[in-house]
Amino acid sequence: MEEVKISTKYQVVIPKEVRRSLNLQPGQKMVAIVKDGVIHLIPNKEITELKGFLKGINVENIREEKERF
């Protein structure tokens, strides 16, 4: 696990090993999602690049529970 620091401009640097493993490029856009107090940064990729992206993912607790009347 890598530790990052928030700058005075609220910027963070993604560690080199993380950038390499995800093949992130300068200027690439990311989607920020907050769930249960955790920030998830998801690379915004073309739909054609996503084939097989979620293979083997744990799908438990992905959706928030809604009250049923």
PDB file of N, CA and C in Angstrom:
ATOM      1  N   MET A   1       0.849  -1.158   0.000  1.00  0.00           N
ATOM      2  CA  MET A   1       0.000   0.000   0.000  1.00  0.00           C
ATOM      3  C   MET A   1       0.905   1.235   0.000  1.00  0.00           C
ATOM      4  N   GLU A   2       0.585   2.161  -0.851  1.00  0.00           N
ATOM      5  CA  GLU A   2       1.349   3.403  -0.975  1.00  0.00           C
ATOM      6  C   GLU A   2       0.611   4.529  -0.264  1.00  0.00           C
ATOM      7  N   GLU A   3       1.357   5.408   0.362  1.00  0.00           N
ATOM      8  CA  GLU A   3       0.766   6.571   1.021  1.00  0.00           C
ATOM      9  C   GLU A   3       0.956   7.794   0.136  1.00  0.00           C
ATOM     10  N   VAL A   4      -0.070   8.629   0.035  1.00  0.00           N
ATOM     11  CA  VAL A   4       0.019   9.862  -0.739  1.00  0.00           C
ATOM     12  C   VAL A   4      -0.339  11.027   0.159  1.00  0.00           C
ATOM     13  N   LYS A   5       0.073  12.219  -0.245  1.00  0.00           N
ATOM     14  CA  LYS A   5      -0.163  13.428   0.531  1.00  0.00           C
ATOM     15  C   LYS A   5      -1.004  14.394  -0.300  1.00  0.00           C
ATOM     16  N   ILE A   6      -1.958  15.054   0.330  1.00  0.00           N
ATOM     17  CA  ILE A   6      -2.787  16.046  -0.347  1.00  0.00           C
ATOM     18  C   ILE A   6      -2.052  17.383  -0.296  1.00  0.00           C
ATOM     19  N   SER A   7      -1.871  18.012  -1.463  1.00  0.00           N
ATOM     20  CA  SER A   7      -1.188  19.309  -1.530  1.00  0.00           C
ATOM     21  C   SER A   7      -2.134  20.423  -1.094  1.00  0.00           C
ATOM     22  N   THR A   8      -1.606  21.625  -1.005  1.00  0.00           N
ATOM     23  CA  THR A   8      -2.441  22.769  -0.628  1.00  0.00           C
ATOM     24  C   THR A   8      -3.494  23.068  -1.681  1.00  0.00           C
ATOM     25  N   LYS A   9      -3.304  22.535  -2.911  1.00  0.00           N
ATOM     26  CA  LYS A   9      -4.286  22.699  -3.981  1.00  0.00           C
ATOM     27  C   LYS A   9      -5.194  21.463  -4.097  1.00  0.00           C
ATOM     28  N   TYR A  10      -5.171  20.619  -3.071  1.00  0.00           N
ATOM     29  CA  TYR A  10      -5.976  19.388  -3.019  1.00  0.00           C
ATOM     30  C   TYR A  10      -5.615  18.409  -4.133  1.00  0.00           C
ATOM     31  N   GLN A  11      -4.355  18.368  -4.511  1.00  0.00           N
ATOM     32  CA  GLN A  11      -3.879  17.437  -5.524  1.00  0.00           C
ATOM     33  C   GLN A  11      -3.122  16.298  -4.852  1.00  0.00           C
ATOM     34  N   VAL A  12      -3.177  15.120  -5.477  1.00  0.00           N
ATOM     35  CA  VAL A  12      -2.385  13.979  -5.012  1.00  0.00           C
ATOM     36  C   VAL A  12      -1.601  13.424  -6.188  1.00  0.00           C
ATOM     37  N   VAL A  13      -0.456  12.819  -5.900  1.00  0.00           N
ATOM     38  CA  VAL A  13       0.348  12.176  -6.932  1.00  0.00           C
ATOM     39  C   VAL A  13       0.106  10.677  -6.818  1.00  0.00           C
ATOM     40  N   ILE A  14      -0.282  10.054  -7.929  1.00  0.00           N
ATOM     41  CA  ILE A  14      -0.489   8.609  -7.953  1.00  0.00           C
ATOM     42  C   ILE A  14       0.891   7.956  -8.010  1.00  0.00           C
ATOM     43  N   PRO A  15       1.193   7.055  -7.067  1.00  0.00           N
ATOM     44  CA  PRO A  15       2.518   6.441  -7.033  1.00  0.00           C
ATOM     45  C   PRO A  15       2.877   5.749  -8.349  1.00  0.00           C
ATOM     46  N   LYS A  16       4.178   5.745  -8.659  1.00  0.00           N
ATOM     47  CA  LYS A  16       4.699   5.221  -9.922  1.00  0.00           C
ATOM     48  C   LYS A  16       4.264   3.780 -10.192  1.00  0.00           C
ATOM     49  N   GLU A  17       4.333   2.925  -9.192  1.00  0.00           N
ATOM     50  CA  GLU A  17       3.956   1.520  -9.394  1.00  0.00           C
ATOM     51  C   GLU A  17       2.470   1.381  -9.732  1.00  0.00           C
ATOM     52  N   VAL A  18       1.643   2.214  -9.129  1.00  0.00           N
ATOM     53  CA  VAL A  18       0.202   2.180  -9.424  1.00  0.00           C
ATOM     54  C   VAL A  18      -0.029   2.665 -10.852  1.00  0.00           C
ATOM     55  N   ARG A  19       0.647   3.757 -11.238  1.00  0.00           N
ATOM     56  CA  ARG A  19       0.509   4.271 -12.609  1.00  0.00           C
ATOM     57  C   ARG A  19       0.929   3.220 -13.621  1.00  0.00           C
ATOM     58  N   ARG A  20       2.034   2.556 -13.350  1.00  0.00           N
ATOM     59  CA  ARG A  20       2.525   1.515 -14.276  1.00  0.00           C
ATOM     60  C   ARG A  20       1.556   0.346 -14.368  1.00  0.00           C
ATOM     61  N   SER A  21       1.074  -0.131 -13.219  1.00  0.00           N
ATOM     62  CA  SER A  21       0.204  -1.317 -13.240  1.00  0.00           C
ATOM     63  C   SER A  21      -1.112  -1.059 -13.957  1.00  0.00           C
ATOM     64  N   LEU A  22      -1.593   0.200 -13.934  1.00  0.00           N
ATOM     65  CA  LEU A  22      -2.848   0.542 -14.607  1.00  0.00           C
ATOM     66  C   LEU A  22      -2.634   1.214 -15.956  1.00  0.00           C
ATOM     67  N   ASN A  23      -1.370   1.399 -16.334  1.00  0.00           N
ATOM     68  CA  ASN A  23      -1.020   2.050 -17.597  1.00  0.00           C
ATOM     69  C   ASN A  23      -1.687   3.420 -17.714  1.00  0.00           C
ATOM     70  N   LEU A  24      -1.589   4.209 -16.639  1.00  0.00           N
ATOM     71  CA  LEU A  24      -2.175   5.555 -16.631  1.00  0.00           C
ATOM     72  C   LEU A  24      -1.268   6.502 -17.398  1.00  0.00           C
ATOM     73  N   GLN A  25      -1.882   7.447 -18.106  1.00  0.00           N
ATOM     74  CA  GLN A  25      -1.147   8.395 -18.930  1.00  0.00           C
ATOM     75  C   GLN A  25      -1.443   9.821 -18.471  1.00  0.00           C
ATOM     76  N   PRO A  26      -0.477  10.748 -18.628  1.00  0.00           N
ATOM     77  CA  PRO A  26      -0.727  12.141 -18.265  1.00  0.00           C
ATOM     78  C   PRO A  26      -1.931  12.690 -19.034  1.00  0.00           C
ATOM     79  N   GLY A  27      -2.788  13.419 -18.339  1.00  0.00           N
ATOM     80  CA  GLY A  27      -3.973  14.000 -18.971  1.00  0.00           C
ATOM     81  C   GLY A  27      -5.163  13.059 -19.029  1.00  0.00           C
ATOM     82  N   GLN A  28      -4.969  11.792 -18.672  1.00  0.00           N
ATOM     83  CA  GLN A  28      -6.071  10.826 -18.701  1.00  0.00           C
ATOM     84  C   GLN A  28      -7.091  11.204 -17.634  1.00  0.00           C
ATOM     85  N   LYS A  29      -8.354  11.081 -17.960  1.00  0.00           N
ATOM     86  CA  LYS A  29      -9.417  11.405 -17.016  1.00  0.00           C
ATOM     87  C   LYS A  29      -9.746  10.200 -16.157  1.00  0.00           C
ATOM     88  N   MET A  30     -10.192  10.505 -14.920  1.00  0.00           N
ATOM     89  CA  MET A  30     -10.584   9.462 -13.984  1.00  0.00           C
ATOM     90  C   MET A  30     -11.926   9.841 -13.387  1.00  0.00           C
ATOM     91  N   VAL A  31     -12.677   8.860 -12.977  1.00  0.00           N
ATOM     92  CA  VAL A  31     -13.956   9.072 -12.315  1.00  0.00           C
ATOM     93  C   VAL A  31     -13.718   8.885 -10.821  1.00  0.00           C
ATOM     94  N   ALA A  32     -14.190   9.821 -10.001  1.00  0.00           N
ATOM     95  CA  ALA A  32     -14.047   9.729  -8.551  1.00  0.00           C
ATOM     96  C   ALA A  32     -15.399   9.350  -7.942  1.00  0.00           C
ATOM     97  N   ILE A  33     -15.401   8.256  -7.188  1.00  0.00           N
ATOM     98  CA  ILE A  33     -16.617   7.782  -6.531  1.00  0.00           C
ATOM     99  C   ILE A  33     -16.318   7.646  -5.042  1.00  0.00           C
ATOM    100  N   VAL A  34     -17.214   8.154  -4.201  1.00  0.00           N
ATOM    101  CA  VAL A  34     -17.066   8.019  -2.758  1.00  0.00           C
ATOM    102  C   VAL A  34     -18.105   7.030  -2.263  1.00  0.00           C
ATOM    103  N   LYS A  35     -17.665   6.004  -1.535  1.00  0.00           N
ATOM    104  CA  LYS A  35     -18.591   5.025  -0.968  1.00  0.00           C
ATOM    105  C   LYS A  35     -18.055   4.596   0.388  1.00  0.00           C
ATOM    106  N   ASP A  36     -18.884   4.702   1.388  1.00  0.00           N
ATOM    107  CA  ASP A  36     -18.518   4.308   2.754  1.00  0.00           C
ATOM    108  C   ASP A  36     -17.231   4.970   3.219  1.00  0.00           C
ATOM    109  N   GLY A  37     -17.041   6.250   2.890  1.00  0.00           N
ATOM    110  CA  GLY A  37     -15.878   6.988   3.341  1.00  0.00           C
ATOM    111  C   GLY A  37     -14.587   6.675   2.606  1.00  0.00           C
ATOM    112  N   VAL A  38     -14.681   5.972   1.475  1.00  0.00           N
ATOM    113  CA  VAL A  38     -13.508   5.609   0.682  1.00  0.00           C
ATOM    114  C   VAL A  38     -13.625   6.247  -0.695  1.00  0.00           C
ATOM    115  N   ILE A  39     -12.532   6.847  -1.165  1.00  0.00           N
ATOM    116  CA  ILE A  39     -12.501   7.436  -2.508  1.00  0.00           C
ATOM    117  C   ILE A  39     -11.976   6.385  -3.480  1.00  0.00           C
ATOM    118  N   HIS A  40     -12.741   6.124  -4.525  1.00  0.00           N
ATOM    119  CA  HIS A  40     -12.320   5.200  -5.580  1.00  0.00           C
ATOM    120  C   HIS A  40     -12.042   6.032  -6.828  1.00  0.00           C
ATOM    121  N   LEU A  41     -10.842   5.937  -7.380  1.00  0.00           N
ATOM    122  CA  LEU A  41     -10.506   6.609  -8.630  1.00  0.00           C
ATOM    123  C   LEU A  41     -10.483   5.554  -9.722  1.00  0.00           C
ATOM    124  N   ILE A  42     -11.346   5.716 -10.701  1.00  0.00           N
ATOM    125  CA  ILE A  42     -11.486   4.721 -11.762  1.00  0.00           C
ATOM    126  C   ILE A  42     -11.081   5.353 -13.082  1.00  0.00           C
ATOM    127  N   PRO A  43     -10.093   4.751 -13.772  1.00  0.00           N
ATOM    128  CA  PRO A  43      -9.680   5.310 -15.062  1.00  0.00           C
ATOM    129  C   PRO A  43     -10.849   5.334 -16.037  1.00  0.00           C
ATOM    130  N   ASN A  44     -11.037   6.469 -16.690  1.00  0.00           N
ATOM    131  CA  ASN A  44     -12.084   6.621 -17.686  1.00  0.00           C
ATOM    132  C   ASN A  44     -11.513   6.133 -19.019  1.00  0.00           C
ATOM    133  N   LYS A  45     -11.968   4.988 -19.473  1.00  0.00           N
ATOM    134  CA  LYS A  45     -11.434   4.385 -20.696  1.00  0.00           C
ATOM    135  C   LYS A  45     -12.522   4.243 -21.746  1.00  0.00           C
ATOM    136  N   GLU A  46     -12.081   4.065 -22.977  1.00  0.00           N
ATOM    137  CA  GLU A  46     -13.023   3.810 -24.064  1.00  0.00           C
ATOM    138  C   GLU A  46     -13.736   2.486 -23.792  1.00  0.00           C
ATOM    139  N   ILE A  47     -14.993   2.380 -24.193  1.00  0.00           N
ATOM    140  CA  ILE A  47     -15.787   1.180 -23.931  1.00  0.00           C
ATOM    141  C   ILE A  47     -15.142  -0.068 -24.540  1.00  0.00           C
ATOM    142  N   THR A  48     -14.449   0.076 -25.657  1.00  0.00           N
ATOM    143  CA  THR A  48     -13.815  -1.077 -26.296  1.00  0.00           C
ATOM    144  C   THR A  48     -12.643  -1.600 -25.476  1.00  0.00           C
ATOM    145  N   GLU A  49     -12.047  -0.753 -24.639  1.00  0.00           N
ATOM    146  CA  GLU A  49     -10.930  -1.176 -23.805  1.00  0.00           C
ATOM    147  C   GLU A  49     -11.382  -1.925 -22.557  1.00  0.00           C
ATOM    148  N   LEU A  50     -12.673  -1.894 -22.255  1.00  0.00           N
ATOM    149  CA  LEU A  50     -13.172  -2.471 -21.015  1.00  0.00           C
ATOM    150  C   LEU A  50     -13.533  -3.947 -21.101  1.00  0.00           C
ATOM    151  N   LYS A  51     -13.408  -4.564 -22.260  1.00  0.00           N
ATOM    152  CA  LYS A  51     -13.753  -5.977 -22.401  1.00  0.00           C
ATOM    153  C   LYS A  51     -12.905  -6.810 -21.434  1.00  0.00           C
ATOM    154  N   GLY A  52     -13.574  -7.548 -20.554  1.00  0.00           N
ATOM    155  CA  GLY A  52     -12.896  -8.390 -19.576  1.00  0.00           C
ATOM    156  C   GLY A  52     -12.373  -7.649 -18.361  1.00  0.00           C
ATOM    157  N   PHE A  53     -12.634  -6.347 -18.256  1.00  0.00           N
ATOM    158  CA  PHE A  53     -12.119  -5.514 -17.173  1.00  0.00           C
ATOM    159  C   PHE A  53     -12.575  -5.995 -15.792  1.00  0.00           C
ATOM    160  N   LEU A  54     -13.805  -6.473 -15.694  1.00  0.00           N
ATOM    161  CA  LEU A  54     -14.365  -6.861 -14.399  1.00  0.00           C
ATOM    162  C   LEU A  54     -14.327  -8.363 -14.135  1.00  0.00           C
ATOM    163  N   LYS A  55     -13.628  -9.096 -14.938  1.00  0.00           N
ATOM    164  CA  LYS A  55     -13.552 -10.548 -14.767  1.00  0.00           C
ATOM    165  C   LYS A  55     -13.012 -10.886 -13.375  1.00  0.00           C
ATOM    166  N   GLY A  56     -13.765 -11.677 -12.643  1.00  0.00           N
ATOM    167  CA  GLY A  56     -13.347 -12.118 -11.322  1.00  0.00           C
ATOM    168  C   GLY A  56     -13.583 -11.124 -10.192  1.00  0.00           C
ATOM    169  N   ILE A  57     -14.274 -10.042 -10.466  1.00  0.00           N
ATOM    170  CA  ILE A  57     -14.509  -9.032  -9.426  1.00  0.00           C
ATOM    171  C   ILE A  57     -15.510  -9.557  -8.391  1.00  0.00           C
ATOM    172  N   ASN A  58     -15.319  -9.166  -7.145  1.00  0.00           N
ATOM    173  CA  ASN A  58     -16.240  -9.513  -6.073  1.00  0.00           C
ATOM    174  C   ASN A  58     -17.422  -8.543  -6.149  1.00  0.00           C
ATOM    175  N   VAL A  59     -18.606  -9.033  -6.423  1.00  0.00           N
ATOM    176  CA  VAL A  59     -19.775  -8.182  -6.624  1.00  0.00           C
ATOM    177  C   VAL A  59     -20.632  -8.020  -5.369  1.00  0.00           C
ATOM    178  N   GLU A  60     -20.160  -8.540  -4.246  1.00  0.00           N
ATOM    179  CA  GLU A  60     -20.917  -8.379  -3.008  1.00  0.00           C
ATOM    180  C   GLU A  60     -20.853  -6.932  -2.551  1.00  0.00           C
ATOM    181  N   ASN A  61     -21.950  -6.427  -2.047  1.00  0.00           N
ATOM    182  CA  ASN A  61     -22.050  -5.077  -1.479  1.00  0.00           C
ATOM    183  C   ASN A  61     -21.753  -3.961  -2.474  1.00  0.00           C
ATOM    184  N   ILE A  62     -21.975  -4.174  -3.752  1.00  0.00           N
ATOM    185  CA  ILE A  62     -21.752  -3.116  -4.734  1.00  0.00           C
ATOM    186  C   ILE A  62     -22.900  -2.119  -4.704  1.00  0.00           C
ATOM    187  N   ARG A  63     -24.092  -2.609  -4.597  1.00  0.00           N
ATOM    188  CA  ARG A  63     -25.259  -1.715  -4.573  1.00  0.00           C
ATOM    189  C   ARG A  63     -25.630  -1.387  -3.140  1.00  0.00           C
ATOM    190  N   GLU A  64     -26.049  -0.162  -2.960  1.00  0.00           N
ATOM    191  CA  GLU A  64     -26.487   0.252  -1.635  1.00  0.00           C
ATOM    192  C   GLU A  64     -27.881  -0.301  -1.382  1.00  0.00           C
ATOM    193  N   GLU A  65     -28.114  -0.699  -0.149  1.00  0.00           N
ATOM    194  CA  GLU A  65     -29.419  -1.225   0.227  1.00  0.00           C
ATOM    195  C   GLU A  65     -30.448  -0.106   0.257  1.00  0.00           C
ATOM    196  N   LYS A  66     -31.614  -0.369  -0.280  1.00  0.00           N
ATOM    197  CA  LYS A  66     -32.699   0.621  -0.262  1.00  0.00           C
ATOM    198  C   LYS A  66     -33.817   0.077   0.616  1.00  0.00           C
ATOM    199  N   GLU A  67     -34.487   1.003   1.280  1.00  0.00           N
ATOM    200  CA  GLU A  67     -35.628   0.610   2.089  1.00  0.00           C
ATOM    201  C   GLU A  67     -36.780   0.216   1.200  1.00  0.00           C
ATOM    202  N   ARG A  68     -37.434  -0.861   1.556  1.00  0.00           N
ATOM    203  CA  ARG A  68     -38.613  -1.289   0.804  1.00  0.00           C
ATOM    204  C   ARG A  68     -39.849  -1.057   1.665  1.00  0.00           C
ATOM    205  N   PHE A  69     -40.845  -0.507   1.039  1.00  0.00           N
ATOM    206  CA  PHE A  69     -42.063  -0.178   1.779  1.00  0.00           C
ATOM    207  C   PHE A  69     -43.070  -1.262   1.646  1.00  0.00           C
TER     208      PHE A  69
END
